[in-house]
C-alpha atoms as a PDB file:
ATOM      1  CA  MET A   1     149.557  87.339  76.762  1.00  0.00           C
ATOM      2  CA  GLU A   2     149.127  90.443  74.631  1.00  0.00           C
ATOM      3  CA  THR A   3     149.233  93.764  76.423  1.00  0.00           C
ATOM      4  CA  ARG A   4     147.873  97.189  75.575  1.00  0.00           C
ATOM      5  CA  VAL A   5     149.271 100.637  76.256  1.00  0.00           C
ATOM      6  CA  ALA A   6     146.638 102.889  77.774  1.00  0.00           C
ATOM      7  CA  ILE A   7     146.100 106.155  79.589  1.00  0.00           C
ATOM      8  CA  VAL A   8     143.592 106.089  82.433  1.00  0.00           C
ATOM      9  CA  GLY A   9     142.148 109.499  83.315  1.00  0.00           C
ATOM     10  CA  ILE A  10     140.673 109.866  86.799  1.00  0.00           C
ATOM     11  CA  ILE A  11     138.829 112.787  88.396  1.00  0.00           C
ATOM     12  CA  VAL A  12     138.321 112.585  92.151  1.00  0.00           C
ATOM     13  CA  GLU A  13     135.588 114.836  93.536  1.00  0.00           C
ATOM     14  CA  ASN A  14     135.377 113.212  96.980  1.00  0.00           C
ATOM     15  CA  MET A  15     138.600 113.281  98.996  1.00  0.00           C
ATOM     16  CA  ASP A  16     137.231 110.462 101.186  1.00  0.00           C
ATOM     17  CA  SER A  17     137.811 108.140  98.200  1.00  0.00           C
ATOM     18  CA  VAL A  18     141.531 108.913  97.846  1.00  0.00           C
ATOM     19  CA  GLY A  19     142.688 106.204 100.262  1.00  0.00           C
ATOM     20  CA  GLN A  20     140.676 103.520  98.485  1.00  0.00           C
ATOM     21  CA  LEU A  21     141.903 104.764  95.110  1.00  0.00           C
ATOM     22  CA  ASN A  22     145.534 104.571  96.214  1.00  0.00           C
ATOM     23  CA  ASP A  23     144.971 101.024  97.522  1.00  0.00           C
ATOM     24  CA  ILE A  24     143.566  99.962  94.139  1.00  0.00           C
ATOM     25  CA  LEU A  25     146.425 101.585  92.228  1.00  0.00           C
ATOM     26  CA  HIS A  26     148.962  99.940  94.535  1.00  0.00           C
ATOM     27  CA  ALA A  27     147.452  96.524  93.772  1.00  0.00           C
ATOM     28  CA  TYR A  28     148.062  97.136  90.039  1.00  0.00           C
ATOM     29  CA  ALA A  29     151.490  98.758  90.437  1.00  0.00           C
ATOM     30  CA  GLN A  30     153.263  96.158  88.291  1.00  0.00           C
ATOM     31  CA  TYR A  31     151.329  97.397  85.242  1.00  0.00           C
ATOM     32  CA  ILE A  32     151.677 101.127  85.864  1.00  0.00           C
ATOM     33  CA  ILE A  33     154.328 102.896  83.795  1.00  0.00           C
ATOM     34  CA  GLY A  34     153.795 106.301  85.373  1.00  0.00           C
ATOM     35  CA  ARG A  35     151.369 108.449  87.315  1.00  0.00           C
ATOM     36  CA  MET A  36     150.719 112.173  87.449  1.00  0.00           C
ATOM     37  CA  GLY A  37     148.349 113.872  89.862  1.00  0.00           C
ATOM     38  CA  LEU A  38     147.216 117.479  89.800  1.00  0.00           C
ATOM     39  CA  PRO A  39     145.261 118.998  92.663  1.00  0.00           C
ATOM     40  CA  TYR A  40     142.850 121.613  91.341  1.00  0.00           C
ATOM     41  CA  ARG A  41     142.133 123.392  94.605  1.00  0.00           C
ATOM     42  CA  GLU A  42     139.907 126.095  93.140  1.00  0.00           C
ATOM     43  CA  ARG A  43     137.444 123.426  91.959  1.00  0.00           C
ATOM     44  CA  LYS A  44     138.106 120.997  94.850  1.00  0.00           C
ATOM     45  CA  VAL A  45     139.001 118.076  92.573  1.00  0.00           C
ATOM     46  CA  ASN A  46     142.089 115.996  91.890  1.00  0.00           C
ATOM     47  CA  ILE A  47     142.994 115.052  88.329  1.00  0.00           C
ATOM     48  CA  ILE A  48     145.100 111.921  87.923  1.00  0.00           C
ATOM     49  CA  SER A  49     146.501 110.274  84.804  1.00  0.00           C
ATOM     50  CA  ILE A  50     147.917 106.759  84.821  1.00  0.00           C
ATOM     51  CA  ALA A  51     149.996 105.314  81.968  1.00  0.00           C
ATOM     52  CA  MET A  52     149.719 101.521  81.797  1.00  0.00           C
ATOM     53  CA  ASP A  53     151.005  98.552  79.821  1.00  0.00           C
ATOM     54  CA  ALA A  54     148.793  95.600  80.707  1.00  0.00           C
ATOM     55  CA  PRO A  55     146.454  92.958  79.310  1.00  0.00           C
ATOM     56  CA  GLN A  56     143.047  94.324  78.319  1.00  0.00           C
ATOM     57  CA  ASP A  57     141.257  92.438  81.113  1.00  0.00           C
ATOM     58  CA  VAL A  58     143.616  93.860  83.756  1.00  0.00           C
ATOM     59  CA  ILE A  59     142.992  97.427  82.583  1.00  0.00           C
ATOM     60  CA  SER A  60     139.247  96.784  82.569  1.00  0.00           C
ATOM     61  CA  ALA A  61     139.356  95.303  86.077  1.00  0.00           C
ATOM     62  CA  LEU A  62     141.308  98.299  87.382  1.00  0.00           C
ATOM     63  CA  THR A  63     139.005 100.862  85.819  1.00  0.00           C
ATOM     64  CA  GLY A  64     135.926  98.959  86.974  1.00  0.00           C
ATOM     65  CA  LYS A  65     137.101  99.069  90.588  1.00  0.00           C
ATOM     66  CA  ILE A  66     137.957 102.750  90.319  1.00  0.00           C
ATOM     67  CA  GLY A  67     134.603 103.507  88.714  1.00  0.00           C
ATOM     68  CA  ASN A  68     132.811 102.008  91.717  1.00  0.00           C
ATOM     69  CA  LEU A  69     134.324 104.572  94.087  1.00  0.00           C
ATOM     70  CA  LYS A  70     132.063 107.360  95.316  1.00  0.00           C
ATOM     71  CA  ASP A  71     132.372 110.586  93.284  1.00  0.00           C
ATOM     72  CA  VAL A  72     135.246 109.255  91.158  1.00  0.00           C
ATOM     73  CA  THR A  73     135.083 109.342  87.346  1.00  0.00           C
ATOM     74  CA  VAL A  74     137.387 107.238  85.180  1.00  0.00           C
ATOM     75  CA  LYS A  75     137.920 107.011  81.410  1.00  0.00           C
ATOM     76  CA  THR A  76     140.464 105.023  79.406  1.00  0.00           C
ATOM     77  CA  VAL A  77     142.159 105.690  76.075  1.00  0.00           C
ATOM     78  CA  TYR A  78     143.987 102.818  74.355  1.00  0.00           C
ATOM     79  CA  SER A  79     146.836 102.978  71.870  1.00  0.00           C
ATOM     80  CA  GLN A  80     146.797 100.840  68.773  1.00  0.00           C
ATOM     81  CA  VAL A  81     150.135  99.312  69.846  1.00  0.00           C
ATOM     82  CA  GLY A  82     150.091  95.729  71.098  1.00  0.00           C
ATOM     83  CA  ALA A  83     152.988  93.742  72.514  1.00  0.00           C
END
């Protein structure tokens, strides 16, 4: 199956959602290349970027689940590179 390289940007505005977010990311760990999280304490948000290499439907499923979390925003950018 063809995979896509993507960056998933996540902004968490509700710290109560962090546990659920980590559970979702753990379930997709096999597709995650790397993860970087930045706490922005002055604005009370966490900014997370996830680098992935996965089939399009897997990336969409992950971002859909994340997007359903309370006060969590997610956006995805895809590369033109396929495998």
